[in-house]
C-alpha cells in the first residue's frame, strides 16, 4: 500500500513539475511568482481543472492559499481555502459548493489546484489563486474560465415587394452560443447589415443579423450568403440564399418587324412577361375590341396565319399576377405587298448590254474606216506634184504645142496615144486627156495609167516626150478635172498602199508589168 501510494505521489509530483515548467515557459521570468493558466475553456457538463503553483518560495514563507471566483457582472466570492494546519475549507455561499475540490491529494501548499465538476454556463468568469505570504504579503494569479456553447445557426430569406424603402430581405441567426458568434454577409446586392445580441439566463448568446436594402425587381434572384464564424466550429458555416423580391409583371411584345404586308403568312407576336410571382393570366385583345379571324391566340403567343386588312390594328397584351397587372401594346401597319421579281429586267438588261456592245463595235469600225479613207485621200492629195516631177524629171515643163526628145521608139508625139500617161487622181489635182485619149485600148498601145507614183520604166519613157507634149501634160495638171474626164480610152487605176512614204515606189514597181510590145500594164488595175 505504501509503495503504491509513493508511486502515485511521485507521478503527481512529476506532473506538477511539468505544469510549473510549462507555465514558466509561457510567462517567462516575470516578477509574478504565482503561476496559473491564463485561460481555460470548457463545455457545459464537463469537469475543468484550474491549476496554481508557487514554484519558488525561497525567502518567503507560504501561509495560506485561497481560490476566489469573480463573475463577469458581480462581486468576488471565496470558493476554496487551504491552510497547512487547518486543511481545506469550502464556503457554503459559493456558487460551486459541492462541485469543487482540491487536486491532487494530499494537498500541497506549493500547488493548490482545484477541480470543478459539471460546470455550467454561469460558472464562466475569473478564478483567482491568491497566496498569503510572509513577509511579502498576498500574491495572486488569474485564470479566465470560458464556457463554450456550440450555437445553432440558421439563415432565411425574407420575401418582400419591390419598393422605394429599405427593408429586411434576409435574416441570419446564431442561437445559444458561447461566446457570441460573428456573422457576415456576402452578396452583390447593394445593401447593409445590422446585428443584435441577446444573452439567455444560462449565459448563452444569440446573435441575429439582418440584411437590409431597397428592393428592386432587378435584384430578384440574386445570390446572398450568410457566413457564421464561432470558436466551437472547425470552419465558418455558410448559408447560400437567393433574394426573393416580388414585383408586378414587366411586359414587352416582341415579333413585329414593321414589315407586315398583305398576303404575308405565319407571323406572330410574343408577349414576354417578367414577374414574381409568376403571372396568373395572359390576355390578348385589340383596341378596336374585335380580334381578327386570322389571328390565333395560344398562351402568350398571337399568331397570324395570313395578313389582311383586319390585322391593321393595335394589339394589347395584358399580364396579371398577385402583385398587380401590367400591359403592353403594339400597332401593326399593314403594307402593300412587294412587287414580285421577274426575269424581264434581266433580259432587258442583257439586250441593252448587247446593243450597246454592237454600237460600240460599229462605232469603232466606222472610226477605223473613216481614218483609212482620210489617209487614202491625203495620199492622193500629196502625190500630184511628185508624180509630175517623177514623170517629166528635173521639174522641166513642156510647152503646149512643142515636142521633146525626138521620135524614136520611145518618143511620144503631141497627139500620139502610144505613150504612157500617168494621171494623179488626188482630189485637188486632175489630169484629163481632152482629144488624144478617146481611142480604144489596143495591143501594143501604151495604156493610160491613173496612179500616184510612177515606176522607173515610166520615168524613162517620159524622157522621150518632146517639149510640146510636156507642156500639154502641164496644162492637163493645171486643169485638175479628173471628175469631168469623159474619154473613152482605157484607164488603169492603182490602189495606193497604206503608207505614203518610201514604199510607194516599191509598190508601183511590183504592181506594173512590161508587155512584149513595149507597153506597161498593171497587174491589179481594172480597165473600163
Protein backbone atom coordinates (compact mmCIF):
# COMPACT_ATOMS: atom_id res chain seq x y z
CA UNK A 1 0.00 0.00 0.00
CA UNK A 2 2.77 2.43 0.98
CA UNK A 3 4.67 1.53 -2.17
CA UNK A 4 1.55 2.18 -4.31
CA UNK A 5 0.95 5.47 -2.57
CA UNK A 6 4.56 6.54 -3.07
CA UNK A 7 4.31 5.69 -6.81
CA UNK A 8 1.16 7.86 -7.15
CA UNK A 9 2.77 10.72 -5.27
CA UNK A 10 5.86 10.62 -7.38
CA UNK A 11 3.76 10.59 -10.58
CA UNK A 12 1.73 13.55 -9.40
CA UNK A 13 4.87 15.40 -8.44
CA UNK A 14 6.31 14.87 -11.87
CA UNK A 15 3.06 16.15 -13.40
CA UNK A 16 3.16 19.24 -11.25
CA UNK A 17 6.75 19.86 -12.22
CA UNK A 18 5.87 19.65 -15.89
CA UNK A 19 2.94 22.02 -15.28
CA UNK A 20 5.17 24.52 -13.50
CA UNK A 21 7.74 24.27 -16.27
CA UNK A 22 5.08 24.96 -18.90
CA UNK A 23 3.88 27.97 -17.00
CA UNK A 24 7.39 29.28 -16.74
CA UNK A 25 7.88 28.78 -20.45
CA UNK A 26 4.62 30.59 -21.20
CA UNK A 27 5.14 33.52 -18.90
CA UNK A 28 8.91 33.76 -18.85
CA UNK A 29 10.71 35.03 -15.83
CA UNK A 30 8.30 37.79 -14.87
CA UNK A 31 8.02 39.22 -11.38
CA UNK A 32 4.79 37.26 -10.75
CA UNK A 33 5.66 34.20 -8.70
CA UNK A 34 2.15 32.65 -8.71
CA UNK A 35 1.84 30.61 -11.90
CA UNK A 36 -1.57 29.83 -13.42
CA UNK A 37 -3.07 29.20 -16.89
CA UNK A 38 -4.42 32.45 -18.25
CA UNK A 39 -7.44 30.83 -19.96
CA UNK A 40 -9.35 27.59 -19.72
CA UNK A 41 -12.37 26.66 -21.83
CA UNK A 42 -14.99 24.03 -21.29
CA UNK A 43 -18.42 22.93 -22.43
CA UNK A 44 -21.35 22.68 -20.04
CA UNK A 45 -21.42 19.40 -18.10
CA UNK A 46 -17.68 18.81 -18.24
CA UNK A 47 -15.06 18.87 -15.48
CA UNK A 48 -12.35 21.54 -15.54
CA UNK A 49 -9.01 21.71 -13.74
CA UNK A 50 -7.74 25.11 -12.58
CA UNK A 51 -4.03 24.84 -11.87
CA UNK A 52 -1.97 27.05 -9.50
CA UNK A 53 1.64 26.84 -8.28
CA UNK A 54 4.24 28.75 -6.28
CA UNK A 55 7.37 27.06 -7.58
CA UNK A 56 9.98 29.34 -5.97
CA UNK A 57 9.33 30.10 -2.34
CA UNK A 58 12.93 30.91 -1.42
CA UNK A 59 12.99 33.56 1.25
CA UNK A 60 9.21 33.53 1.50
CA UNK A 61 7.00 31.74 4.00
CA UNK A 62 3.71 30.50 2.43
CA UNK A 63 0.95 30.81 4.95
CA UNK A 64 -2.34 30.05 3.19
CA UNK A 65 -3.94 29.86 -0.33
CA UNK A 66 -7.44 30.98 -1.35
CA UNK A 67 -9.40 30.47 -4.59
CA UNK A 68 -11.73 33.38 -5.42
CA UNK A 69 -14.46 33.45 -8.11
CA UNK A 70 -15.25 36.75 -9.84
CA UNK A 71 -18.17 36.63 -12.32
CA UNK A 72 -18.43 38.98 -15.32
CA UNK A 73 -21.02 41.03 -13.51
CA UNK A 74 -20.95 40.63 -9.71
CA UNK A 75 -18.85 40.52 -6.54
CA UNK A 76 -15.97 38.27 -5.65
CA UNK A 77 -16.69 35.07 -3.71
CA UNK A 78 -14.32 32.66 -1.94
CA UNK A 79 -14.89 29.15 -3.24
CA UNK A 80 -11.96 27.18 -1.66
CA UNK A 81 -9.38 27.80 1.15
CA UNK A 82 -6.39 25.69 2.24
CA UNK A 83 -4.32 26.11 5.40
CA UNK A 84 -1.43 23.71 6.13
CA UNK A 85 -2.57 23.41 9.74
CA UNK A 86 -6.34 23.50 9.33
CA UNK A 87 -6.74 21.82 5.98
CA UNK A 88 -9.16 22.66 3.13
CA UNK A 89 -12.36 24.66 3.50
CA UNK A 90 -15.23 25.30 1.02
CA UNK A 91 -17.57 28.17 1.92
CA UNK A 92 -21.25 27.28 1.70
CA UNK A 93 -22.26 30.51 -0.07
CA UNK A 94 -20.04 29.66 -3.03
CA UNK A 95 -21.79 29.16 -6.44
CA UNK A 96 -19.75 25.94 -6.91
CA UNK A 97 -20.38 24.41 -3.48
CA UNK A 98 -20.39 20.63 -3.68
CA UNK A 99 -18.71 20.63 -7.12
CA UNK A 100 -15.23 21.89 -6.24
CA UNK A 101 -12.29 20.03 -4.64
CA UNK A 102 -8.52 20.45 -4.27
CA UNK A 103 -6.37 18.35 -6.54
CA UNK A 104 -4.18 16.41 -6.09
CA UNK A 105 -4.34 14.89 -2.68
CA UNK A 106 -2.64 15.17 -0.30
CA UNK A 107 -2.78 18.89 -0.83
CA UNK A 108 0.49 20.69 -1.19
CA UNK A 109 0.71 24.38 -0.47
CA UNK A 110 3.07 24.92 -3.38
CA UNK A 111 0.49 23.54 -5.89
CA UNK A 112 -3.07 24.04 -4.63
CA UNK A 113 -5.01 23.27 -7.88
CA UNK A 114 -8.79 22.78 -7.84
CA UNK A 115 -11.25 20.75 -9.89
CA UNK A 116 -14.83 21.82 -10.71
CA UNK A 117 -17.29 19.17 -11.83
CA UNK A 118 -20.36 19.54 -14.01
CA UNK A 119 -19.58 23.09 -14.99
CA UNK A 120 -22.39 25.36 -16.04
CA UNK A 121 -22.59 28.33 -18.31
CA UNK A 122 -22.95 30.51 -15.23
CA UNK A 123 -19.57 29.28 -13.95
CA UNK A 124 -17.81 31.38 -16.55
CA UNK A 125 -15.66 34.16 -15.15
CA UNK A 126 -12.35 34.86 -13.45
CA UNK A 127 -10.78 32.38 -10.97
CA UNK A 128 -8.05 33.89 -8.78
CA UNK A 129 -5.42 31.82 -6.93
CA UNK A 130 -4.19 34.06 -4.07
CA UNK A 131 -1.29 33.23 -1.68
CA UNK A 132 -0.82 34.74 1.76
CA UNK A 133 2.95 35.01 2.26
CA UNK A 134 5.33 36.34 4.87
CA UNK A 135 6.88 38.85 4.77
CA UNK A 136 5.76 39.91 1.21
CA UNK A 137 2.03 39.72 1.74
CA UNK A 138 -0.55 38.44 -0.74
CA UNK A 139 0.35 37.36 -4.27
CA UNK A 140 -2.08 36.05 -6.91
CA UNK A 141 -2.59 34.69 -10.40
CA UNK A 142 -5.80 34.88 -12.51
CA UNK A 143 -7.34 32.25 -14.82
CA UNK A 144 -10.22 33.08 -17.17
CA UNK A 145 -12.75 30.29 -17.48
CA UNK A 146 -14.57 30.47 -20.82
CA UNK A 147 -17.66 28.38 -21.19
CA UNK A 148 -18.26 27.21 -24.73
CA UNK A 149 -21.63 26.52 -26.25
CA UNK A 150 -21.89 25.47 -29.89
CA UNK A 151 -24.59 27.64 -31.40
CA UNK A 152 -27.41 26.60 -33.65
CA UNK A 153 -27.04 28.56 -36.88
CA UNK A 154 -29.71 29.23 -39.43
CA UNK A 155 -30.50 31.70 -42.21
CA UNK A 156 -33.61 32.62 -44.12
CA UNK A 157 -34.83 34.88 -46.90
CA UNK A 158 -37.48 37.48 -46.23
CA UNK A 159 -39.85 37.83 -49.18
CA UNK A 160 -40.62 41.47 -49.86
CA UNK A 161 -42.30 43.56 -52.52
CA UNK A 162 -40.34 45.91 -54.73
CA UNK A 163 -40.46 49.44 -53.42
CA UNK A 164 -38.50 52.54 -52.54
CA UNK A 165 -37.92 52.00 -48.79
CA UNK A 166 -35.12 49.97 -47.19
CA UNK A 167 -36.44 46.74 -45.69
CA UNK A 168 -35.06 43.46 -44.33
CA UNK A 169 -34.57 41.00 -47.17
CA UNK A 170 -32.57 38.28 -45.35
CA UNK A 171 -32.00 37.17 -41.76
CA UNK A 172 -29.27 35.05 -40.15
CA UNK A 173 -29.13 33.75 -36.52
CA UNK A 174 -26.60 32.04 -34.32
CA UNK A 175 -28.60 30.85 -31.32
CA UNK A 176 -27.45 29.89 -27.81
CA UNK A 177 -23.76 30.08 -28.46
CA UNK A 178 -20.89 30.91 -26.16
CA UNK A 179 -19.06 33.13 -26.81
CA UNK A 180 -21.07 35.24 -29.24
CA UNK A 181 -20.76 34.26 -32.90
CA UNK A 182 -19.60 36.55 -35.70
CA UNK A 183 -21.84 36.91 -38.76
CA UNK A 184 -21.06 38.46 -42.15
CA UNK A 185 -22.87 38.68 -45.49
CA UNK A 186 -21.59 38.00 -48.99
CA UNK A 187 -23.67 39.35 -51.90
CA UNK A 188 -23.62 41.61 -54.95
CA UNK A 189 -26.81 43.35 -53.90
CA UNK A 190 -26.50 46.92 -52.69
CA UNK A 191 -27.40 46.94 -49.01
CA UNK A 192 -26.08 46.77 -45.43
CA UNK A 193 -26.44 44.62 -42.33
CA UNK A 194 -27.22 45.15 -38.66
CA UNK A 195 -26.69 42.85 -35.63
CA UNK A 196 -28.01 42.41 -32.14
CA UNK A 197 -27.11 40.05 -29.26
CA UNK A 198 -29.37 38.51 -26.66
CA UNK A 199 -27.96 36.77 -23.53
CA UNK A 200 -30.04 33.98 -22.02
CA UNK A 201 -30.31 33.04 -18.37
CA UNK A 202 -27.73 30.28 -18.85
CA UNK A 203 -25.27 32.86 -20.18
CA UNK A 204 -25.55 31.72 -23.78
CA UNK A 205 -25.76 34.38 -26.51
CA UNK A 206 -27.98 34.56 -29.54
CA UNK A 207 -26.71 36.76 -32.38
CA UNK A 208 -29.17 37.96 -35.01
CA UNK A 209 -28.04 39.68 -38.21
CA UNK A 210 -30.38 41.26 -40.77
CA UNK A 211 -29.57 42.40 -44.28
CA UNK A 212 -31.45 45.49 -45.41
CA UNK A 213 -31.80 47.09 -48.85
CA UNK A 214 -34.20 48.90 -51.15
CA UNK A 215 -35.83 46.01 -53.01
CA UNK A 216 -35.83 46.25 -56.82
CA UNK A 217 -37.08 43.84 -59.43
CA UNK A 218 -33.59 43.52 -60.93
CA UNK A 219 -32.30 42.19 -57.58
CA UNK A 220 -34.75 39.33 -57.50
CA UNK A 221 -32.92 36.00 -57.54
CA UNK A 222 -29.52 37.46 -56.73
CA UNK A 223 -27.21 35.34 -54.56
CA UNK A 224 -26.70 36.24 -50.93
CA UNK A 225 -24.88 34.15 -48.31
CA UNK A 226 -24.77 34.29 -44.54
CA UNK A 227 -21.41 33.20 -43.07
CA UNK A 228 -21.20 32.32 -39.33
CA UNK A 229 -17.88 32.08 -37.50
CA UNK A 230 -17.68 30.56 -34.00
CA UNK A 231 -14.99 29.22 -31.70
CA UNK A 232 -16.58 25.84 -31.49
CA UNK A 233 -16.59 25.39 -35.29
CA UNK A 234 -13.70 23.99 -37.26
CA UNK A 235 -14.53 26.30 -40.17
CA UNK A 236 -17.12 29.02 -40.85
CA UNK A 237 -20.59 27.82 -41.71
CA UNK A 238 -22.14 29.31 -44.86
CA UNK A 239 -25.79 29.53 -45.88
CA UNK A 240 -26.31 30.38 -49.57
CA UNK A 241 -29.61 32.07 -50.34
CA UNK A 242 -31.37 33.92 -53.17
CA UNK A 243 -33.20 37.19 -52.76
CA UNK A 244 -36.97 36.96 -53.17
CA UNK A 245 -38.40 40.27 -54.31
CA UNK A 246 -41.93 40.30 -55.61
CA UNK A 247 -42.99 42.75 -58.29
CA UNK A 248 -45.80 43.16 -60.82
CA UNK A 249 -45.29 41.90 -64.39
CA UNK A 250 -42.91 43.75 -66.69
CA UNK A 251 -44.40 43.20 -70.16
CA UNK A 252 -42.96 43.64 -73.66
CA UNK A 253 -44.37 42.49 -77.02
CA UNK A 254 -41.87 41.07 -79.48
CA UNK A 255 -42.10 39.83 -83.06
CA UNK A 256 -43.30 42.86 -85.02
CA UNK A 257 -40.69 43.84 -87.64
CA UNK A 258 -42.65 46.71 -89.24
CA UNK A 259 -42.95 44.72 -92.46
CA UNK A 260 -46.34 43.06 -92.29
CA UNK A 261 -47.73 43.23 -95.82
CA UNK A 262 -50.85 41.84 -97.41
CA UNK A 263 -50.59 38.14 -98.01
CA UNK A 264 -47.65 37.54 -95.68
CA UNK A 265 -48.06 34.27 -93.79
CA UNK A 266 -47.14 32.83 -90.41
CA UNK A 267 -46.19 35.95 -88.48
CA UNK A 268 -46.51 36.10 -84.71
CA UNK A 269 -46.36 38.37 -81.67
CA UNK A 270 -44.95 37.10 -78.37
CA UNK A 271 -45.87 38.63 -75.04
CA UNK A 272 -42.78 38.46 -72.83
CA UNK A 273 -43.50 38.97 -69.12
CA UNK A 274 -41.09 39.04 -66.20
CA UNK A 275 -42.77 38.83 -62.80
CA UNK A 276 -42.56 37.45 -59.27
CA UNK A 277 -44.69 35.58 -58.52
CA UNK A 278 -45.24 34.07 -61.97
CA UNK A 279 -48.12 35.55 -63.99
CA UNK A 280 -51.51 34.04 -63.34
CA UNK A 281 -53.04 35.12 -66.67
CA UNK A 282 -52.11 36.48 -70.11
CA UNK A 283 -54.87 38.17 -72.12
CA UNK A 284 -54.70 39.34 -75.77
CA UNK A 285 -57.08 41.93 -77.13
CA UNK A 286 -57.25 44.75 -79.66
CA UNK A 287 -58.02 48.41 -79.22
CA UNK A 288 -60.99 48.01 -81.53
CA UNK A 289 -62.35 45.25 -79.33
CA UNK A 290 -62.53 42.55 -82.03
CA UNK A 291 -59.79 40.02 -82.60
CA UNK A 292 -59.14 39.35 -86.32
CA UNK A 293 -60.27 35.95 -87.57
CA UNK A 294 -56.84 35.25 -88.99
CA UNK A 295 -55.25 35.63 -85.53
CA UNK A 296 -54.80 32.56 -83.30
CA UNK A 297 -54.04 33.08 -79.60
CA UNK A 298 -52.19 30.46 -77.60
CA UNK A 299 -50.94 31.44 -74.14
CA UNK A 300 -48.52 34.33 -74.61
CA UNK A 301 -48.31 33.99 -78.43
CA UNK A 302 -50.58 35.58 -81.03
CA UNK A 303 -50.08 34.04 -84.46
CA UNK A 304 -51.41 35.47 -87.73
CA UNK A 305 -51.84 32.86 -90.43
CA UNK A 306 -52.17 35.34 -93.30
CA UNK A 307 -52.00 39.10 -93.08
CA UNK A 308 -55.03 41.00 -94.34
CA UNK A 309 -56.61 44.37 -93.68
CA UNK A 310 -58.17 43.20 -90.41
CA UNK A 311 -54.70 42.92 -88.89
CA UNK A 312 -54.21 46.65 -89.35
CA UNK A 313 -54.91 47.38 -85.68
CA UNK A 314 -53.37 47.76 -82.22
CA UNK A 315 -52.78 44.56 -80.26
CA UNK A 316 -52.68 44.67 -76.46
CA UNK A 317 -51.17 42.05 -74.14
CA UNK A 318 -52.26 42.22 -70.50
CA UNK A 319 -50.45 40.17 -67.84
CA UNK A 320 -51.56 39.74 -64.26
CA UNK A 321 -50.04 38.29 -61.08
CA UNK A 322 -50.74 38.57 -57.39
CA UNK A 323 -48.88 41.87 -57.08
CA UNK A 324 -50.50 43.71 -59.98
CA UNK A 325 -51.47 43.92 -63.65
CA UNK A 326 -49.33 45.33 -66.47
CA UNK A 327 -49.90 45.60 -70.23
CA UNK A 328 -48.06 46.47 -73.39
CA UNK A 329 -49.28 47.22 -76.91
CA UNK A 330 -48.05 47.34 -80.48
CA UNK A 331 -49.67 48.93 -83.53
CA UNK A 332 -49.47 46.94 -86.76
CA UNK A 333 -49.44 48.80 -90.08
CA UNK A 334 -50.33 46.52 -92.97
CA UNK A 335 -48.37 47.42 -96.08
CA UNK A 336 -48.85 46.74 -99.75
CA UNK A 337 -47.28 43.51 -100.97
CA UNK A 338 -43.84 43.93 -102.51
CA UNK A 339 -43.56 43.69 -106.29
CA UNK A 340 -42.59 40.26 -107.49
CA UNK A 341 -39.23 39.95 -109.04
CA UNK A 342 -39.16 38.69 -112.68
CA UNK A 343 -36.62 37.89 -115.37
CA UNK A 344 -37.84 40.75 -117.60
CA UNK A 345 -35.38 43.13 -116.08
CA UNK A 346 -32.53 40.68 -116.53
CA UNK A 347 -33.48 40.02 -120.17
CA UNK A 348 -33.91 43.71 -120.90
CA UNK A 349 -30.56 44.40 -119.31
CA UNK A 350 -28.91 41.70 -121.41
CA UNK A 351 -30.48 43.06 -124.62
CA UNK A 352 -29.48 46.62 -123.85
CA UNK A 353 -25.99 45.48 -123.00
CA UNK A 354 -25.73 43.57 -126.29
CA UNK A 355 -26.98 46.57 -128.28
CA UNK A 356 -24.51 48.83 -126.58
CA UNK A 357 -21.73 46.40 -127.37
CA UNK A 358 -22.78 46.25 -131.03
CA UNK A 359 -22.98 50.03 -131.22
CA UNK A 360 -19.55 50.25 -129.71
CA UNK A 361 -18.14 47.82 -132.28
CA UNK A 362 -19.89 49.64 -135.13
CA UNK A 363 -18.56 52.97 -133.94
CA UNK A 364 -15.07 51.51 -133.71
CA UNK A 365 -15.31 50.11 -137.26
CA UNK A 366 -16.65 53.44 -138.57
CA UNK A 367 -13.79 55.31 -136.97
CA UNK A 368 -11.24 52.93 -138.46
CA UNK A 369 -12.81 53.09 -141.95
CA UNK A 370 -13.07 56.88 -141.83
CA UNK A 371 -9.48 57.14 -140.77
CA UNK A 372 -8.38 54.79 -143.56
CA UNK A 373 -10.27 56.83 -146.15
CA UNK A 374 -8.80 60.05 -144.86
CA UNK A 375 -5.34 58.54 -145.12
CA UNK A 376 -6.02 57.48 -148.72
CA UNK A 377 -7.37 60.92 -149.62
CA UNK A 378 -4.37 62.52 -148.04
CA UNK A 379 -2.09 60.22 -150.01
CA UNK A 380 -3.75 61.17 -153.27
CA UNK A 381 -3.72 64.85 -152.45
CA UNK A 382 0.02 64.84 -151.71
CA UNK A 383 1.12 62.72 -154.64
CA UNK A 384 0.30 65.00 -157.71
CA UNK A 385 3.26 67.26 -157.81
CA UNK A 386 5.66 64.42 -157.05
CA UNK A 387 4.07 62.41 -159.86
CA UNK A 388 4.69 65.08 -162.45
CA UNK A 389 8.20 65.51 -161.24
CA UNK A 390 8.90 61.80 -161.49
CA UNK A 391 7.24 61.56 -164.95
CA UNK A 392 8.95 64.55 -166.53
CA UNK A 393 12.06 64.69 -164.38
CA UNK A 394 14.03 67.65 -163.11
CA UNK A 395 10.91 69.81 -162.92
CA UNK A 396 11.06 70.75 -166.56
CA UNK A 397 7.80 71.92 -168.06
CA UNK A 398 6.70 71.05 -171.62
CA UNK A 399 5.05 73.54 -173.86
CA UNK A 400 1.56 73.02 -175.14
CA UNK A 401 2.48 72.50 -178.81
CA UNK A 402 6.20 71.70 -178.78
CA UNK A 403 7.87 68.28 -178.82
CA UNK A 404 10.77 66.89 -176.90
CA UNK A 405 13.20 64.19 -177.26
CA UNK A 406 12.80 63.09 -180.90
CA UNK A 407 10.69 60.42 -182.44
CA UNK A 408 12.50 57.25 -181.65
CA UNK A 409 10.94 54.08 -180.41
CA UNK A 410 10.48 55.62 -177.06
CA UNK A 411 9.29 59.04 -178.29
CA UNK A 412 5.81 60.38 -178.00
CA UNK A 413 4.20 62.92 -180.38
CA UNK A 414 1.74 65.53 -179.30
CA UNK A 415 -1.32 63.58 -180.40
CA UNK A 416 0.11 60.10 -180.13
CA UNK A 417 -1.75 57.69 -177.83
CA UNK A 418 1.02 55.11 -177.81
CA UNK A 419 2.92 56.74 -174.92
CA UNK A 420 2.09 56.01 -171.24
CA UNK A 421 0.08 58.58 -169.45
CA UNK A 422 0.11 58.63 -165.61
CA UNK A 423 -2.69 60.53 -164.08
CA UNK A 424 -2.76 61.77 -160.47
CA UNK A 425 -6.21 61.01 -159.02
CA UNK A 426 -5.87 63.16 -155.93
CA UNK A 427 -8.92 65.30 -155.01
CA UNK A 428 -7.09 68.61 -155.53
CA UNK A 429 -5.45 67.87 -158.82
CA UNK A 430 -6.93 66.40 -162.01
CA UNK A 431 -5.36 65.30 -165.23
CA UNK A 432 -7.51 64.63 -168.34
CA UNK A 433 -6.68 63.97 -171.93
CA UNK A 434 -9.02 66.16 -173.96
CA UNK A 435 -8.56 64.90 -177.55
CA UNK A 436 -5.96 62.17 -177.64
CA UNK A 437 -7.34 59.58 -175.14
CA UNK A 438 -10.67 58.63 -176.56
CA UNK A 439 -9.32 55.83 -178.65
CA UNK A 440 -9.87 52.23 -177.52
CA UNK A 441 -7.05 50.38 -175.97
CA UNK A 442 -5.22 48.13 -178.47
CA UNK A 443 -2.40 45.69 -178.14
CA UNK A 444 0.86 47.48 -178.49
CA UNK A 445 -0.53 50.76 -177.35
CA UNK A 446 0.51 52.19 -174.03
CA UNK A 447 -2.41 52.47 -171.63
CA UNK A 448 -3.26 55.49 -169.64
CA UNK A 449 -2.41 54.83 -166.03
CA UNK A 450 -4.03 56.67 -163.14
CA UNK A 451 -1.69 56.38 -160.21
CA UNK A 452 0.06 58.37 -157.52
CA UNK A 453 3.67 57.28 -158.11
CA UNK A 454 5.31 56.25 -161.45
CA UNK A 455 7.68 53.36 -161.89
CA UNK A 456 11.27 53.59 -163.08
CA UNK A 457 10.29 52.48 -166.57
CA UNK A 458 7.61 55.17 -166.74
CA UNK A 459 10.13 57.82 -165.88
CA UNK A 460 12.47 56.54 -168.58
CA UNK A 461 9.69 56.57 -171.15
CA UNK A 462 8.68 60.05 -170.09
CA UNK A 463 12.08 61.35 -171.14
CA UNK A 464 11.21 60.66 -174.81
CA UNK A 465 8.38 63.17 -174.78
CA UNK A 466 9.02 66.37 -176.71
CA UNK A 467 8.73 69.74 -175.21
CA UNK A 468 5.27 70.31 -176.69
CA UNK A 469 4.00 67.11 -175.10
CA UNK A 470 5.38 68.16 -171.75
CA UNK A 471 3.54 71.46 -171.96
CA UNK A 472 0.41 69.51 -172.83
CA UNK A 473 0.75 67.50 -169.63
CA UNK A 474 1.42 70.62 -167.63
CA UNK A 475 -1.84 72.09 -168.83
CA UNK A 476 -3.63 68.91 -168.02
CA UNK A 477 -2.20 69.02 -164.49
CA UNK A 478 -3.31 72.62 -164.08
CA UNK A 479 -6.90 71.82 -165.07
CA UNK A 480 -7.32 69.23 -162.27
CA UNK A 481 -10.56 67.92 -163.67
CA UNK A 482 -10.48 64.24 -163.10
CA UNK A 483 -14.12 64.02 -162.29
CA UNK A 484 -15.06 65.58 -165.71
CA UNK A 485 -12.87 63.31 -167.74
CA UNK A 486 -15.09 61.54 -170.24
CA UNK A 487 -12.59 59.91 -172.55
CA UNK A 488 -13.35 56.53 -173.84
CA UNK A 489 -9.83 55.21 -173.60
CA UNK A 490 -8.91 52.61 -171.07
CA UNK A 491 -7.92 53.90 -167.63
CA UNK A 492 -5.71 51.90 -165.28
CA UNK A 493 -6.28 52.62 -161.58
CA UNK A 494 -3.78 51.58 -158.97
CA UNK A 495 -4.58 51.09 -155.23
CA UNK A 496 -2.28 53.16 -153.08
CA UNK A 497 -0.65 51.34 -150.21
CA UNK A 498 -1.33 52.37 -146.57
CA UNK A 499 1.99 54.11 -146.29
CA UNK A 500 2.63 57.14 -148.44
CA UNK A 501 6.34 57.25 -147.81
CA UNK A 502 9.19 55.46 -149.39
CA UNK A 503 7.25 52.25 -150.10
CA UNK A 504 5.21 53.89 -152.92
CA UNK A 505 7.90 53.35 -155.50
CA UNK A 506 8.41 49.75 -154.47
CA UNK A 507 4.69 49.11 -154.62
CA UNK A 508 4.43 50.61 -158.16
CA UNK A 509 7.40 48.59 -159.41
CA UNK A 510 5.87 45.38 -158.07
CA UNK A 511 2.45 46.16 -159.49
CA UNK A 512 3.41 47.18 -163.08
CA UNK A 513 4.28 44.59 -165.74
CA UNK A 514 6.01 45.18 -169.12
CA UNK A 515 4.46 43.67 -172.25
CA UNK A 516 6.17 42.24 -175.37
CA UNK A 517 5.09 45.20 -177.43
CA UNK A 518 6.85 47.54 -175.02
CA UNK A 519 3.79 48.65 -173.10
CA UNK A 520 3.41 48.55 -169.33
CA UNK A 521 0.22 47.47 -167.60
CA UNK A 522 -0.83 46.97 -164.01
CA UNK A 523 -1.47 43.55 -162.50
CA UNK A 524 -4.22 44.86 -160.24
CA UNK A 525 -5.76 47.69 -162.34
CA UNK A 526 -9.31 47.49 -163.63
CA UNK A 527 -9.76 48.73 -167.25
CA UNK A 528 -13.08 50.32 -168.20
